[in-house]
């Protein structure tokens, strides 16, 4: 729990947030720009590295969007709050998935 002094400092400091609409548009752009490549027949190291990068970029965009939604909502609640740390769990999941793809890509590259 934050101390009264910490809360007072936060109230004094203006919160400079990117709007939800901007974060939403960034999410849509990230989804459009990071389309995964097609895998022909059997995946190779390049295919898996491509998918790992795609998962990482999508995860980052989703986490930033959720962070904005959570922060904006919390700023407008009269009581209670939404756990801001929850979006980090989502980012960790995307990171774990990307890491699995990358590890398998490394194994495949070594086999060549």
Protein backbone atom coordinates (compact mmCIF):
# COMPACT_ATOMS: atom_id res chain seq x y z
CA UNK A 1 0.00 0.00 0.00
CA UNK A 2 1.32 3.44 -0.92
CA UNK A 3 2.08 5.86 1.86
CA UNK A 4 0.19 9.13 2.22
CA UNK A 5 3.33 11.00 1.14
CA UNK A 6 3.61 8.91 -2.07
CA UNK A 7 -0.06 9.49 -2.87
CA UNK A 8 0.29 13.22 -2.27
CA UNK A 9 3.28 13.32 -4.65
CA UNK A 10 1.32 11.47 -7.34
CA UNK A 11 -1.59 13.87 -7.01
CA UNK A 12 0.72 16.88 -7.42
CA UNK A 13 2.40 15.42 -10.48
CA UNK A 14 0.33 15.61 -13.68
CA UNK A 15 -0.25 12.24 -15.27
CA UNK A 16 0.86 12.33 -18.88
CA UNK A 17 -0.80 9.34 -20.54
CA UNK A 18 -1.18 8.42 -24.13
CA UNK A 19 -4.88 8.16 -24.81
CA UNK A 20 -6.61 4.80 -25.03
CA UNK A 21 -7.51 5.53 -28.64
CA UNK A 22 -3.83 6.07 -29.55
CA UNK A 23 -2.79 2.85 -27.76
CA UNK A 24 -5.59 1.02 -29.54
CA UNK A 25 -4.37 2.30 -32.91
CA UNK A 26 -0.79 1.31 -32.01
CA UNK A 27 -2.08 -2.17 -31.22
CA UNK A 28 -3.83 -2.39 -34.60
CA UNK A 29 -0.71 -1.17 -36.42
CA UNK A 30 1.46 -3.70 -34.57
CA UNK A 31 -0.92 -6.49 -35.54
CA UNK A 32 -0.88 -5.37 -39.18
CA UNK A 33 2.89 -4.88 -39.37
CA UNK A 34 3.99 -8.06 -37.66
CA UNK A 35 2.14 -10.70 -39.61
CA UNK A 36 3.80 -14.08 -39.22
CA UNK A 37 5.34 -15.57 -42.30
CA UNK A 38 3.93 -18.66 -43.96
CA UNK A 39 5.57 -21.98 -43.03
CA UNK A 40 6.00 -24.34 -45.98
CA UNK A 41 5.60 -28.00 -45.02
CA UNK A 42 8.11 -28.19 -42.12
CA UNK A 43 9.23 -25.28 -39.95
CA UNK A 44 12.91 -24.33 -40.01
CA UNK A 45 14.90 -22.07 -37.68
CA UNK A 46 14.04 -18.95 -39.71
CA UNK A 47 10.32 -19.75 -39.52
CA UNK A 48 10.46 -20.13 -35.76
CA UNK A 49 12.53 -16.97 -35.29
CA UNK A 50 9.94 -15.11 -37.39
CA UNK A 51 7.13 -16.43 -35.21
CA UNK A 52 9.04 -15.59 -32.02
CA UNK A 53 9.48 -11.99 -33.20
CA UNK A 54 5.80 -11.80 -34.13
CA UNK A 55 4.72 -13.08 -30.70
CA UNK A 56 7.03 -10.59 -28.95
CA UNK A 57 5.76 -7.59 -30.90
CA UNK A 58 2.09 -8.52 -30.48
CA UNK A 59 2.63 -9.15 -26.76
CA UNK A 60 4.25 -5.76 -26.26
CA UNK A 61 1.44 -3.98 -28.07
CA UNK A 62 -1.24 -5.81 -26.10
CA UNK A 63 0.52 -5.14 -22.79
CA UNK A 64 0.82 -1.41 -23.53
CA UNK A 65 -2.83 -1.22 -24.52
CA UNK A 66 -3.96 -3.07 -21.40
CA UNK A 67 -1.73 -0.90 -19.23
CA UNK A 68 -3.43 2.21 -20.64
CA UNK A 69 -6.90 0.74 -20.09
CA UNK A 70 -6.03 -0.24 -16.50
CA UNK A 71 -4.43 3.12 -15.66
CA UNK A 72 -7.26 5.13 -17.17
CA UNK A 73 -9.89 3.03 -15.40
CA UNK A 74 -8.08 3.20 -12.05
CA UNK A 75 -7.82 6.98 -12.35
CA UNK A 76 -11.59 7.17 -12.60
CA UNK A 77 -12.62 4.70 -9.89
CA UNK A 78 -14.18 6.02 -6.69
CA UNK A 79 -13.09 2.99 -4.72
CA UNK A 80 -11.01 -0.10 -5.30
CA UNK A 81 -8.52 -0.57 -8.09
CA UNK A 82 -7.61 -2.96 -10.86
CA UNK A 83 -4.31 -4.78 -10.35
CA UNK A 84 -1.85 -2.93 -12.58
CA UNK A 85 0.63 -5.79 -12.33
CA UNK A 86 -1.74 -8.16 -14.14
CA UNK A 87 -0.66 -6.88 -17.55
CA UNK A 88 2.91 -7.91 -16.73
CA UNK A 89 1.70 -11.50 -16.38
CA UNK A 90 0.34 -11.32 -19.91
CA UNK A 91 3.63 -9.89 -21.16
CA UNK A 92 5.49 -12.69 -19.35
CA UNK A 93 3.31 -15.28 -21.07
CA UNK A 94 4.06 -13.81 -24.49
CA UNK A 95 7.75 -13.70 -23.57
CA UNK A 96 7.69 -17.35 -22.47
CA UNK A 97 6.06 -18.39 -25.74
CA UNK A 98 8.53 -16.39 -27.79
CA UNK A 99 11.38 -17.96 -25.82
CA UNK A 100 10.12 -21.45 -26.60
CA UNK A 101 10.03 -20.65 -30.30
CA UNK A 102 13.55 -19.18 -30.13
CA UNK A 103 14.96 -22.19 -28.25
CA UNK A 104 13.57 -24.59 -30.81
CA UNK A 105 14.91 -22.36 -33.61
CA UNK A 106 18.37 -22.53 -32.03
CA UNK A 107 18.13 -26.32 -31.80
CA UNK A 108 17.11 -26.54 -35.45
CA UNK A 109 19.96 -24.21 -36.52
CA UNK A 110 22.48 -26.41 -34.67
CA UNK A 111 21.22 -29.50 -36.49
CA UNK A 112 22.10 -27.96 -39.84
